[in-house]
Amino acid sequence: MNPDGHAATTLARLLAVDWRSDDGIDHPRARAKLMREYLRRAAWWARELGATDAWPFFDIPALWAPDVEVPRDLLEPLETLISTGIGWPSVATTVRAALRWAAVLDAGKPVPDGLADPYAPLLLMFERGGGFTTEHGFIDLGAASVRQQTWEDHLTAEQIVPLTRSALDALDPV
């Protein structure tokens, strides 16, 4: 394991999330915009990979770089975290995929032009209040929700929110 690698850093971030307080009360606007940004990025990846039927919560790197595996010493702590109840199956899928994404980056696979890290917004959203659930066409973020709609509805070129601390903090002033 490379302690400075993307995968080790991603695992550390996931392990630091307070998964038990997923109400997002302190950051509802930021969490909603981060989810919408994930949906936008995932829509572009789904189109690129011909996986629109798997959108929105799917393992993008498993389709993009199926030969890259997460190192066992990183996967085991994540599976332990998942088994202790980090939440809804969609959350488990996305945290596994985020860790695999980081392993793909560690392997040096270049990201295709025009596409962005789909899991960066979700990691920030998790850090600002835990997971999410999905029901009846909505993604429930605790203190906010987002309409899922279709992948085509999220296929926009314009970024929803900058992924900077200052931009996200400005959405939910204390």
N, C-alpha and C. Protein backbone atom coordinates (compact mmCIF):
# COMPACT_ATOMS: atom_id res chain seq x y z
N MET A 1 0.85 -1.19 0.00
CA MET A 1 0.00 0.00 0.00
C MET A 1 0.88 1.24 0.00
N ASN A 2 0.51 2.20 -0.83
CA ASN A 2 1.18 3.49 -0.86
C ASN A 2 0.40 4.43 0.06
N PRO A 3 0.98 4.78 1.24
CA PRO A 3 0.22 5.60 2.20
C PRO A 3 -0.09 7.00 1.68
N ASP A 4 0.60 7.40 0.61
CA ASP A 4 0.34 8.73 0.03
C ASP A 4 -0.51 8.64 -1.23
N GLY A 5 -0.93 7.44 -1.60
CA GLY A 5 -1.68 7.25 -2.83
C GLY A 5 -3.13 7.69 -2.72
N HIS A 6 -3.77 7.77 -3.87
CA HIS A 6 -5.18 8.15 -3.93
C HIS A 6 -6.06 7.19 -3.15
N ALA A 7 -5.79 5.89 -3.29
CA ALA A 7 -6.65 4.90 -2.63
C ALA A 7 -6.54 4.99 -1.11
N ALA A 8 -5.33 5.12 -0.60
CA ALA A 8 -5.15 5.24 0.86
C ALA A 8 -5.82 6.50 1.38
N THR A 9 -5.70 7.59 0.65
CA THR A 9 -6.32 8.85 1.04
C THR A 9 -7.84 8.74 1.01
N THR A 10 -8.36 8.12 -0.03
CA THR A 10 -9.82 7.94 -0.15
C THR A 10 -10.34 7.07 0.98
N LEU A 11 -9.66 5.99 1.28
CA LEU A 11 -10.09 5.14 2.39
C LEU A 11 -10.09 5.92 3.70
N ALA A 12 -9.05 6.68 3.94
CA ALA A 12 -8.98 7.47 5.19
C ALA A 12 -10.15 8.44 5.27
N ARG A 13 -10.50 9.07 4.14
CA ARG A 13 -11.64 9.99 4.14
C ARG A 13 -12.94 9.26 4.44
N LEU A 14 -13.13 8.09 3.84
CA LEU A 14 -14.35 7.32 4.07
C LEU A 14 -14.45 6.84 5.51
N LEU A 15 -13.34 6.43 6.07
CA LEU A 15 -13.34 5.96 7.46
C LEU A 15 -13.60 7.10 8.44
N ALA A 16 -13.28 8.32 8.05
CA ALA A 16 -13.47 9.49 8.93
C ALA A 16 -14.90 10.04 8.92
N VAL A 17 -15.71 9.63 7.96
CA VAL A 17 -17.09 10.13 7.86
C VAL A 17 -17.90 9.65 9.06
N ASP A 18 -18.74 10.54 9.58
CA ASP A 18 -19.68 10.15 10.64
C ASP A 18 -20.94 9.60 9.96
N TRP A 19 -20.94 8.30 9.70
CA TRP A 19 -22.03 7.65 8.97
C TRP A 19 -23.30 7.54 9.81
N ARG A 20 -23.21 7.69 11.10
CA ARG A 20 -24.39 7.53 11.96
C ARG A 20 -25.24 8.79 12.04
N SER A 21 -24.66 9.93 11.70
CA SER A 21 -25.46 11.17 11.73
C SER A 21 -25.61 11.67 10.30
N ASP A 22 -26.42 10.95 9.53
CA ASP A 22 -26.56 11.28 8.12
C ASP A 22 -27.72 12.25 7.84
N ASP A 23 -27.98 13.10 8.79
CA ASP A 23 -29.09 14.03 8.58
C ASP A 23 -28.67 15.27 7.80
N GLY A 24 -27.38 15.57 7.70
CA GLY A 24 -26.92 16.69 6.90
C GLY A 24 -27.50 18.02 7.31
N ILE A 25 -27.92 18.16 8.56
CA ILE A 25 -28.58 19.38 9.02
C ILE A 25 -27.71 20.62 8.82
N ASP A 26 -26.42 20.48 9.05
CA ASP A 26 -25.54 21.64 8.96
C ASP A 26 -25.20 22.04 7.53
N HIS A 27 -25.41 21.15 6.56
CA HIS A 27 -24.98 21.42 5.18
C HIS A 27 -26.00 21.01 4.13
N PRO A 28 -27.28 21.31 4.30
CA PRO A 28 -28.27 20.78 3.35
C PRO A 28 -28.11 21.29 1.93
N ARG A 29 -27.83 22.56 1.74
CA ARG A 29 -27.70 23.11 0.38
C ARG A 29 -26.45 22.55 -0.31
N ALA A 30 -25.34 22.54 0.42
CA ALA A 30 -24.10 22.02 -0.16
C ALA A 30 -24.26 20.55 -0.52
N ARG A 31 -24.86 19.76 0.38
CA ARG A 31 -25.05 18.34 0.10
C ARG A 31 -25.93 18.12 -1.13
N ALA A 32 -26.98 18.91 -1.27
CA ALA A 32 -27.86 18.77 -2.44
C ALA A 32 -27.12 19.11 -3.73
N LYS A 33 -26.36 20.18 -3.71
CA LYS A 33 -25.61 20.56 -4.92
C LYS A 33 -24.51 19.55 -5.24
N LEU A 34 -23.87 19.01 -4.20
CA LEU A 34 -22.85 17.99 -4.44
C LEU A 34 -23.47 16.73 -5.03
N MET A 35 -24.65 16.34 -4.57
CA MET A 35 -25.32 15.19 -5.16
C MET A 35 -25.68 15.46 -6.61
N ARG A 36 -26.19 16.65 -6.88
CA ARG A 36 -26.53 17.00 -8.26
C ARG A 36 -25.27 16.99 -9.15
N GLU A 37 -24.15 17.44 -8.61
CA GLU A 37 -22.89 17.41 -9.37
C GLU A 37 -22.46 15.97 -9.63
N TYR A 38 -22.62 15.10 -8.62
CA TYR A 38 -22.32 13.68 -8.87
C TYR A 38 -23.22 13.14 -9.98
N LEU A 39 -24.52 13.41 -9.92
CA LEU A 39 -25.44 12.90 -10.92
C LEU A 39 -25.06 13.38 -12.32
N ARG A 40 -24.63 14.64 -12.41
CA ARG A 40 -24.20 15.21 -13.69
C ARG A 40 -22.96 14.47 -14.21
N ARG A 41 -21.96 14.32 -13.35
CA ARG A 41 -20.74 13.64 -13.78
C ARG A 41 -21.00 12.18 -14.12
N ALA A 42 -21.81 11.51 -13.31
CA ALA A 42 -22.13 10.11 -13.56
C ALA A 42 -22.90 9.94 -14.88
N ALA A 43 -23.73 10.91 -15.23
CA ALA A 43 -24.46 10.85 -16.50
C ALA A 43 -23.48 10.88 -17.68
N TRP A 44 -22.48 11.73 -17.62
CA TRP A 44 -21.48 11.79 -18.68
C TRP A 44 -20.70 10.48 -18.77
N TRP A 45 -20.33 9.92 -17.63
CA TRP A 45 -19.62 8.64 -17.63
C TRP A 45 -20.52 7.53 -18.15
N ALA A 46 -21.78 7.52 -17.77
CA ALA A 46 -22.71 6.48 -18.24
C ALA A 46 -22.83 6.54 -19.76
N ARG A 47 -22.91 7.73 -20.29
CA ARG A 47 -22.99 7.87 -21.75
C ARG A 47 -21.70 7.37 -22.40
N GLU A 48 -20.57 7.78 -21.87
CA GLU A 48 -19.27 7.39 -22.40
C GLU A 48 -19.09 5.87 -22.39
N LEU A 49 -19.52 5.22 -21.31
CA LEU A 49 -19.30 3.78 -21.14
C LEU A 49 -20.45 2.92 -21.67
N GLY A 50 -21.49 3.56 -22.20
CA GLY A 50 -22.65 2.80 -22.66
C GLY A 50 -23.37 2.11 -21.52
N ALA A 51 -23.40 2.78 -20.38
CA ALA A 51 -23.97 2.18 -19.16
C ALA A 51 -25.13 3.01 -18.62
N THR A 52 -25.90 3.61 -19.49
CA THR A 52 -26.98 4.47 -19.04
C THR A 52 -28.04 3.71 -18.25
N ASP A 53 -28.14 2.39 -18.50
CA ASP A 53 -29.11 1.60 -17.74
C ASP A 53 -28.65 1.35 -16.31
N ALA A 54 -27.36 1.53 -16.03
CA ALA A 54 -26.83 1.33 -14.67
C ALA A 54 -26.82 2.63 -13.87
N TRP A 55 -26.95 3.77 -14.53
CA TRP A 55 -26.94 5.08 -13.88
C TRP A 55 -28.08 5.15 -12.86
N PRO A 56 -27.97 5.79 -11.71
CA PRO A 56 -26.93 6.74 -11.32
C PRO A 56 -25.84 6.17 -10.40
N PHE A 57 -26.16 5.16 -9.61
CA PHE A 57 -25.20 4.70 -8.61
C PHE A 57 -24.59 3.39 -9.07
N PHE A 58 -23.48 3.50 -9.81
CA PHE A 58 -22.85 2.32 -10.38
C PHE A 58 -21.34 2.43 -10.27
N ASP A 59 -20.69 1.31 -10.50
CA ASP A 59 -19.24 1.22 -10.35
C ASP A 59 -18.57 1.60 -11.66
N ILE A 60 -18.36 2.88 -11.86
CA ILE A 60 -17.77 3.40 -13.09
C ILE A 60 -16.40 2.79 -13.35
N PRO A 61 -15.49 2.76 -12.37
CA PRO A 61 -14.17 2.21 -12.68
C PRO A 61 -14.17 0.72 -13.01
N ALA A 62 -15.16 -0.04 -12.53
CA ALA A 62 -15.24 -1.46 -12.89
C ALA A 62 -15.51 -1.62 -14.38
N LEU A 63 -16.22 -0.67 -14.98
CA LEU A 63 -16.48 -0.69 -16.41
C LEU A 63 -15.34 -0.06 -17.20
N TRP A 64 -14.75 0.97 -16.65
CA TRP A 64 -13.72 1.74 -17.35
C TRP A 64 -12.35 1.06 -17.29
N ALA A 65 -12.01 0.47 -16.16
CA ALA A 65 -10.70 -0.16 -15.97
C ALA A 65 -10.89 -1.46 -15.19
N PRO A 66 -11.56 -2.46 -15.78
CA PRO A 66 -11.91 -3.66 -15.04
C PRO A 66 -10.71 -4.47 -14.54
N ASP A 67 -9.55 -4.23 -15.11
CA ASP A 67 -8.36 -4.97 -14.70
C ASP A 67 -7.72 -4.44 -13.43
N VAL A 68 -8.14 -3.26 -12.95
CA VAL A 68 -7.55 -2.67 -11.75
C VAL A 68 -8.37 -3.06 -10.54
N GLU A 69 -7.70 -3.63 -9.55
CA GLU A 69 -8.34 -4.03 -8.31
C GLU A 69 -7.86 -3.15 -7.16
N VAL A 70 -8.69 -3.03 -6.16
CA VAL A 70 -8.31 -2.32 -4.93
C VAL A 70 -7.40 -3.25 -4.13
N PRO A 71 -6.28 -2.75 -3.63
CA PRO A 71 -5.43 -3.60 -2.80
C PRO A 71 -6.20 -4.15 -1.60
N ARG A 72 -5.96 -5.41 -1.29
CA ARG A 72 -6.68 -6.11 -0.23
C ARG A 72 -6.58 -5.39 1.11
N ASP A 73 -5.40 -4.81 1.41
CA ASP A 73 -5.23 -4.14 2.70
C ASP A 73 -6.07 -2.87 2.81
N LEU A 74 -6.57 -2.38 1.68
CA LEU A 74 -7.48 -1.23 1.70
C LEU A 74 -8.94 -1.67 1.60
N LEU A 75 -9.17 -2.73 0.87
CA LEU A 75 -10.54 -3.20 0.69
C LEU A 75 -11.12 -3.78 1.98
N GLU A 76 -10.33 -4.48 2.75
CA GLU A 76 -10.84 -5.09 3.99
C GLU A 76 -11.39 -4.07 4.98
N PRO A 77 -10.68 -2.96 5.26
CA PRO A 77 -11.26 -1.98 6.18
C PRO A 77 -12.55 -1.34 5.64
N LEU A 78 -12.62 -1.17 4.31
CA LEU A 78 -13.84 -0.61 3.74
C LEU A 78 -15.00 -1.59 3.90
N GLU A 79 -14.76 -2.87 3.64
CA GLU A 79 -15.83 -3.86 3.78
C GLU A 79 -16.28 -3.97 5.24
N THR A 80 -15.36 -3.82 6.16
CA THR A 80 -15.74 -3.81 7.58
C THR A 80 -16.64 -2.62 7.86
N LEU A 81 -16.27 -1.46 7.34
CA LEU A 81 -17.10 -0.26 7.51
C LEU A 81 -18.50 -0.49 6.93
N ILE A 82 -18.56 -1.02 5.74
CA ILE A 82 -19.86 -1.27 5.10
C ILE A 82 -20.69 -2.25 5.93
N SER A 83 -20.06 -3.29 6.43
CA SER A 83 -20.81 -4.31 7.19
C SER A 83 -21.31 -3.79 8.54
N THR A 84 -20.71 -2.70 9.03
CA THR A 84 -21.18 -2.14 10.30
C THR A 84 -22.33 -1.17 10.08
N GLY A 85 -22.76 -1.04 8.84
CA GLY A 85 -23.98 -0.30 8.58
C GLY A 85 -23.81 1.12 8.13
N ILE A 86 -23.09 1.34 7.02
CA ILE A 86 -22.98 2.72 6.54
C ILE A 86 -24.21 3.17 5.79
N GLY A 87 -25.13 2.27 5.58
CA GLY A 87 -26.39 2.73 5.01
C GLY A 87 -26.88 1.95 3.81
N TRP A 88 -27.66 2.65 3.05
CA TRP A 88 -28.38 2.15 1.90
C TRP A 88 -27.46 1.44 0.91
N PRO A 89 -27.95 0.45 0.16
CA PRO A 89 -27.10 -0.25 -0.82
C PRO A 89 -26.43 0.67 -1.85
N SER A 90 -27.10 1.75 -2.23
CA SER A 90 -26.49 2.71 -3.17
C SER A 90 -25.25 3.36 -2.58
N VAL A 91 -25.27 3.58 -1.27
CA VAL A 91 -24.10 4.15 -0.60
C VAL A 91 -22.96 3.14 -0.62
N ALA A 92 -23.25 1.89 -0.32
CA ALA A 92 -22.22 0.86 -0.35
C ALA A 92 -21.61 0.75 -1.75
N THR A 93 -22.45 0.78 -2.77
CA THR A 93 -21.95 0.71 -4.15
C THR A 93 -21.03 1.87 -4.45
N THR A 94 -21.43 3.07 -4.06
CA THR A 94 -20.62 4.24 -4.41
C THR A 94 -19.33 4.34 -3.60
N VAL A 95 -19.34 3.91 -2.34
CA VAL A 95 -18.08 3.98 -1.59
C VAL A 95 -17.09 2.94 -2.11
N ARG A 96 -17.57 1.77 -2.49
CA ARG A 96 -16.68 0.78 -3.11
C ARG A 96 -16.13 1.32 -4.43
N ALA A 97 -17.00 1.93 -5.21
CA ALA A 97 -16.58 2.47 -6.51
C ALA A 97 -15.61 3.64 -6.33
N ALA A 98 -15.83 4.46 -5.32
CA ALA A 98 -14.90 5.58 -5.07
C ALA A 98 -13.51 5.06 -4.73
N LEU A 99 -13.45 4.00 -3.95
CA LEU A 99 -12.15 3.43 -3.60
C LEU A 99 -11.50 2.79 -4.83
N ARG A 100 -12.29 2.11 -5.65
CA ARG A 100 -11.76 1.52 -6.89
C ARG A 100 -11.28 2.63 -7.83
N TRP A 101 -12.04 3.73 -7.91
CA TRP A 101 -11.64 4.86 -8.73
C TRP A 101 -10.25 5.34 -8.31
N ALA A 102 -10.05 5.47 -7.01
CA ALA A 102 -8.76 5.93 -6.50
C ALA A 102 -7.65 4.94 -6.85
N ALA A 103 -7.94 3.64 -6.81
CA ALA A 103 -6.95 2.63 -7.19
C ALA A 103 -6.61 2.75 -8.68
N VAL A 104 -7.60 3.07 -9.50
CA VAL A 104 -7.36 3.27 -10.93
C VAL A 104 -6.44 4.48 -11.14
N LEU A 105 -6.69 5.55 -10.39
CA LEU A 105 -5.80 6.71 -10.48
C LEU A 105 -4.38 6.35 -10.05
N ASP A 106 -4.26 5.57 -8.98
CA ASP A 106 -2.94 5.12 -8.53
C ASP A 106 -2.25 4.29 -9.61
N ALA A 107 -3.03 3.56 -10.40
CA ALA A 107 -2.46 2.73 -11.48
C ALA A 107 -2.02 3.59 -12.67
N GLY A 108 -2.37 4.88 -12.66
CA GLY A 108 -1.91 5.79 -13.71
C GLY A 108 -2.77 5.85 -14.95
N LYS A 109 -3.98 5.33 -14.89
CA LYS A 109 -4.86 5.39 -16.05
C LYS A 109 -5.36 6.82 -16.24
N PRO A 110 -5.12 7.41 -17.41
CA PRO A 110 -5.57 8.79 -17.63
C PRO A 110 -7.10 8.87 -17.80
N VAL A 111 -7.66 9.93 -17.28
CA VAL A 111 -9.10 10.17 -17.40
C VAL A 111 -9.37 10.72 -18.80
N PRO A 112 -10.35 10.18 -19.51
CA PRO A 112 -10.66 10.69 -20.86
C PRO A 112 -10.98 12.19 -20.83
N ASP A 113 -10.58 12.86 -21.89
CA ASP A 113 -10.86 14.30 -22.01
C ASP A 113 -12.35 14.57 -21.86
N GLY A 114 -12.66 15.63 -21.13
CA GLY A 114 -14.03 16.06 -20.96
C GLY A 114 -14.77 15.38 -19.82
N LEU A 115 -14.15 14.38 -19.20
CA LEU A 115 -14.79 13.69 -18.09
C LEU A 115 -14.04 14.02 -16.80
N ALA A 116 -14.77 14.02 -15.70
CA ALA A 116 -14.19 14.38 -14.41
C ALA A 116 -14.41 13.25 -13.41
N ASP A 117 -13.66 13.30 -12.33
CA ASP A 117 -13.79 12.34 -11.24
C ASP A 117 -15.24 12.35 -10.76
N PRO A 118 -15.98 11.26 -10.96
CA PRO A 118 -17.39 11.27 -10.57
C PRO A 118 -17.60 11.21 -9.06
N TYR A 119 -16.61 10.69 -8.34
CA TYR A 119 -16.80 10.45 -6.91
C TYR A 119 -16.33 11.60 -6.03
N ALA A 120 -15.62 12.57 -6.58
CA ALA A 120 -15.16 13.72 -5.78
C ALA A 120 -16.34 14.44 -5.12
N PRO A 121 -17.44 14.72 -5.84
CA PRO A 121 -18.57 15.38 -5.16
C PRO A 121 -19.18 14.52 -4.06
N LEU A 122 -19.28 13.21 -4.28
CA LEU A 122 -19.87 12.34 -3.26
C LEU A 122 -19.00 12.28 -2.00
N LEU A 123 -17.69 12.20 -2.17
CA LEU A 123 -16.82 12.18 -0.99
C LEU A 123 -17.03 13.44 -0.16
N LEU A 124 -17.10 14.59 -0.82
CA LEU A 124 -17.35 15.85 -0.10
C LEU A 124 -18.72 15.84 0.56
N MET A 125 -19.71 15.29 -0.14
CA MET A 125 -21.05 15.22 0.43
C MET A 125 -21.08 14.32 1.66
N PHE A 126 -20.43 13.16 1.57
CA PHE A 126 -20.36 12.26 2.72
C PHE A 126 -19.71 12.97 3.91
N GLU A 127 -18.63 13.69 3.65
CA GLU A 127 -17.91 14.38 4.73
C GLU A 127 -18.75 15.48 5.37
N ARG A 128 -19.76 15.96 4.68
CA ARG A 128 -20.62 17.02 5.20
C ARG A 128 -21.93 16.49 5.77
N GLY A 129 -21.99 15.21 6.12
CA GLY A 129 -23.21 14.74 6.77
C GLY A 129 -23.60 13.30 6.53
N GLY A 130 -22.70 12.46 6.07
CA GLY A 130 -23.00 11.05 5.93
C GLY A 130 -23.63 10.68 4.61
N GLY A 131 -24.42 9.61 4.63
CA GLY A 131 -24.93 9.01 3.41
C GLY A 131 -26.25 9.56 2.92
N PHE A 132 -26.97 8.71 2.20
CA PHE A 132 -28.24 9.09 1.58
C PHE A 132 -29.08 7.84 1.41
N THR A 133 -30.34 8.05 1.11
CA THR A 133 -31.23 6.95 0.74
C THR A 133 -31.95 7.34 -0.55
N THR A 134 -32.56 6.36 -1.19
CA THR A 134 -33.31 6.64 -2.42
C THR A 134 -34.70 6.03 -2.30
N GLU A 135 -35.70 6.82 -2.68
CA GLU A 135 -37.08 6.34 -2.65
C GLU A 135 -37.94 7.18 -3.57
N HIS A 136 -38.81 6.51 -4.31
CA HIS A 136 -39.86 7.17 -5.08
C HIS A 136 -39.31 8.29 -5.97
N GLY A 137 -38.15 8.07 -6.59
CA GLY A 137 -37.61 9.05 -7.52
C GLY A 137 -36.86 10.20 -6.86
N PHE A 138 -36.65 10.11 -5.55
CA PHE A 138 -35.91 11.14 -4.83
C PHE A 138 -34.70 10.54 -4.14
N ILE A 139 -33.68 11.35 -4.00
CA ILE A 139 -32.50 10.99 -3.22
C ILE A 139 -32.57 11.81 -1.95
N ASP A 140 -32.79 11.14 -0.84
CA ASP A 140 -32.97 11.79 0.45
C ASP A 140 -31.62 11.98 1.12
N LEU A 141 -31.29 13.22 1.38
CA LEU A 141 -30.01 13.58 1.99
C LEU A 141 -30.18 13.96 3.46
N GLY A 142 -31.32 13.68 4.02
CA GLY A 142 -31.58 14.03 5.42
C GLY A 142 -32.35 15.33 5.48
N ALA A 143 -31.65 16.44 5.51
CA ALA A 143 -32.29 17.75 5.60
C ALA A 143 -32.59 18.34 4.23
N ALA A 144 -32.32 17.60 3.18
CA ALA A 144 -32.60 18.03 1.80
C ALA A 144 -32.84 16.79 0.95
N SER A 145 -33.38 17.00 -0.22
CA SER A 145 -33.54 15.90 -1.17
C SER A 145 -33.33 16.43 -2.58
N VAL A 146 -33.06 15.49 -3.49
CA VAL A 146 -32.82 15.82 -4.89
C VAL A 146 -33.67 14.87 -5.72
N ARG A 147 -34.34 15.42 -6.74
CA ARG A 147 -35.08 14.56 -7.67
C ARG A 147 -34.08 13.81 -8.54
N GLN A 148 -34.25 12.51 -8.64
CA GLN A 148 -33.30 11.73 -9.44
C GLN A 148 -33.44 12.03 -10.92
N GLN A 149 -34.62 12.07 -11.46
CA GLN A 149 -34.90 12.29 -12.88
C GLN A 149 -34.21 11.21 -13.73
N THR A 150 -33.89 11.53 -14.97
CA THR A 150 -33.22 10.58 -15.86
C THR A 150 -31.78 11.02 -16.06
N TRP A 151 -30.97 10.12 -16.57
CA TRP A 151 -29.58 10.48 -16.83
C TRP A 151 -29.49 11.62 -17.84
N GLU A 152 -30.39 11.65 -18.82
CA GLU A 152 -30.37 12.73 -19.81
C GLU A 152 -30.64 14.09 -19.17
N ASP A 153 -31.50 14.10 -18.15
CA ASP A 153 -31.80 15.36 -17.46
C ASP A 153 -30.56 15.95 -16.78
N HIS A 154 -29.61 15.11 -16.45
CA HIS A 154 -28.40 15.56 -15.75
C HIS A 154 -27.21 15.74 -16.68
N LEU A 155 -27.40 15.52 -17.95
CA LEU A 155 -26.32 15.59 -18.93
C LEU A 155 -26.12 17.04 -19.37
N THR A 156 -25.59 17.84 -18.48
CA THR A 156 -25.31 19.24 -18.76
C THR A 156 -23.82 19.49 -18.68
N ALA A 157 -23.36 20.47 -19.42
CA ALA A 157 -21.92 20.78 -19.45
C ALA A 157 -21.49 21.62 -18.25
N GLU A 158 -22.40 22.42 -17.75
CA GLU A 158 -22.05 23.36 -16.68
C GLU A 158 -21.98 22.68 -15.31
N GLN A 159 -20.87 22.89 -14.63
CA GLN A 159 -20.68 22.34 -13.29
C GLN A 159 -21.72 22.96 -12.35
N ILE A 160 -22.28 22.16 -11.46
CA ILE A 160 -23.33 22.59 -10.54
C ILE A 160 -22.76 23.47 -9.43
N VAL A 161 -21.62 23.05 -8.88
CA VAL A 161 -21.01 23.78 -7.76
C VAL A 161 -19.50 23.55 -7.80
N PRO A 162 -18.71 24.58 -7.52
CA PRO A 162 -17.27 24.35 -7.41
C PRO A 162 -16.98 23.46 -6.20
N LEU A 163 -16.02 22.58 -6.34
CA LEU A 163 -15.70 21.65 -5.26
C LEU A 163 -14.61 22.23 -4.35
N THR A 164 -14.87 23.44 -3.89
CA THR A 164 -13.93 24.09 -2.97
C THR A 164 -14.61 24.31 -1.63
N ARG A 165 -13.83 24.28 -0.59
CA ARG A 165 -14.37 24.49 0.76
C ARG A 165 -15.10 25.82 0.85
N SER A 166 -14.52 26.88 0.30
CA SER A 166 -15.14 28.21 0.41
C SER A 166 -16.49 28.27 -0.30
N ALA A 167 -16.57 27.67 -1.50
CA ALA A 167 -17.84 27.69 -2.24
C ALA A 167 -18.91 26.89 -1.50
N LEU A 168 -18.52 25.74 -0.96
CA LEU A 168 -19.49 24.89 -0.25
C LEU A 168 -19.90 25.52 1.09
N ASP A 169 -18.95 26.10 1.80
CA ASP A 169 -19.27 26.75 3.08
C ASP A 169 -20.21 27.94 2.87
N ALA A 170 -20.07 28.64 1.74
CA ALA A 170 -20.91 29.80 1.47
C ALA A 170 -22.38 29.41 1.26
N LEU A 171 -22.62 28.16 0.86
CA LEU A 171 -24.00 27.70 0.64
C LEU A 171 -24.78 27.50 1.93
N ASP A 172 -24.07 27.19 3.00
CA ASP A 172 -24.72 26.91 4.29
C ASP A 172 -23.99 27.67 5.39
N PRO A 173 -24.14 29.00 5.41
CA PRO A 173 -23.43 29.76 6.45
C PRO A 173 -23.91 29.35 7.85
N VAL A 174 -22.99 29.32 8.76
CA VAL A 174 -23.30 28.91 10.14
C VAL A 174 -24.05 30.00 10.85
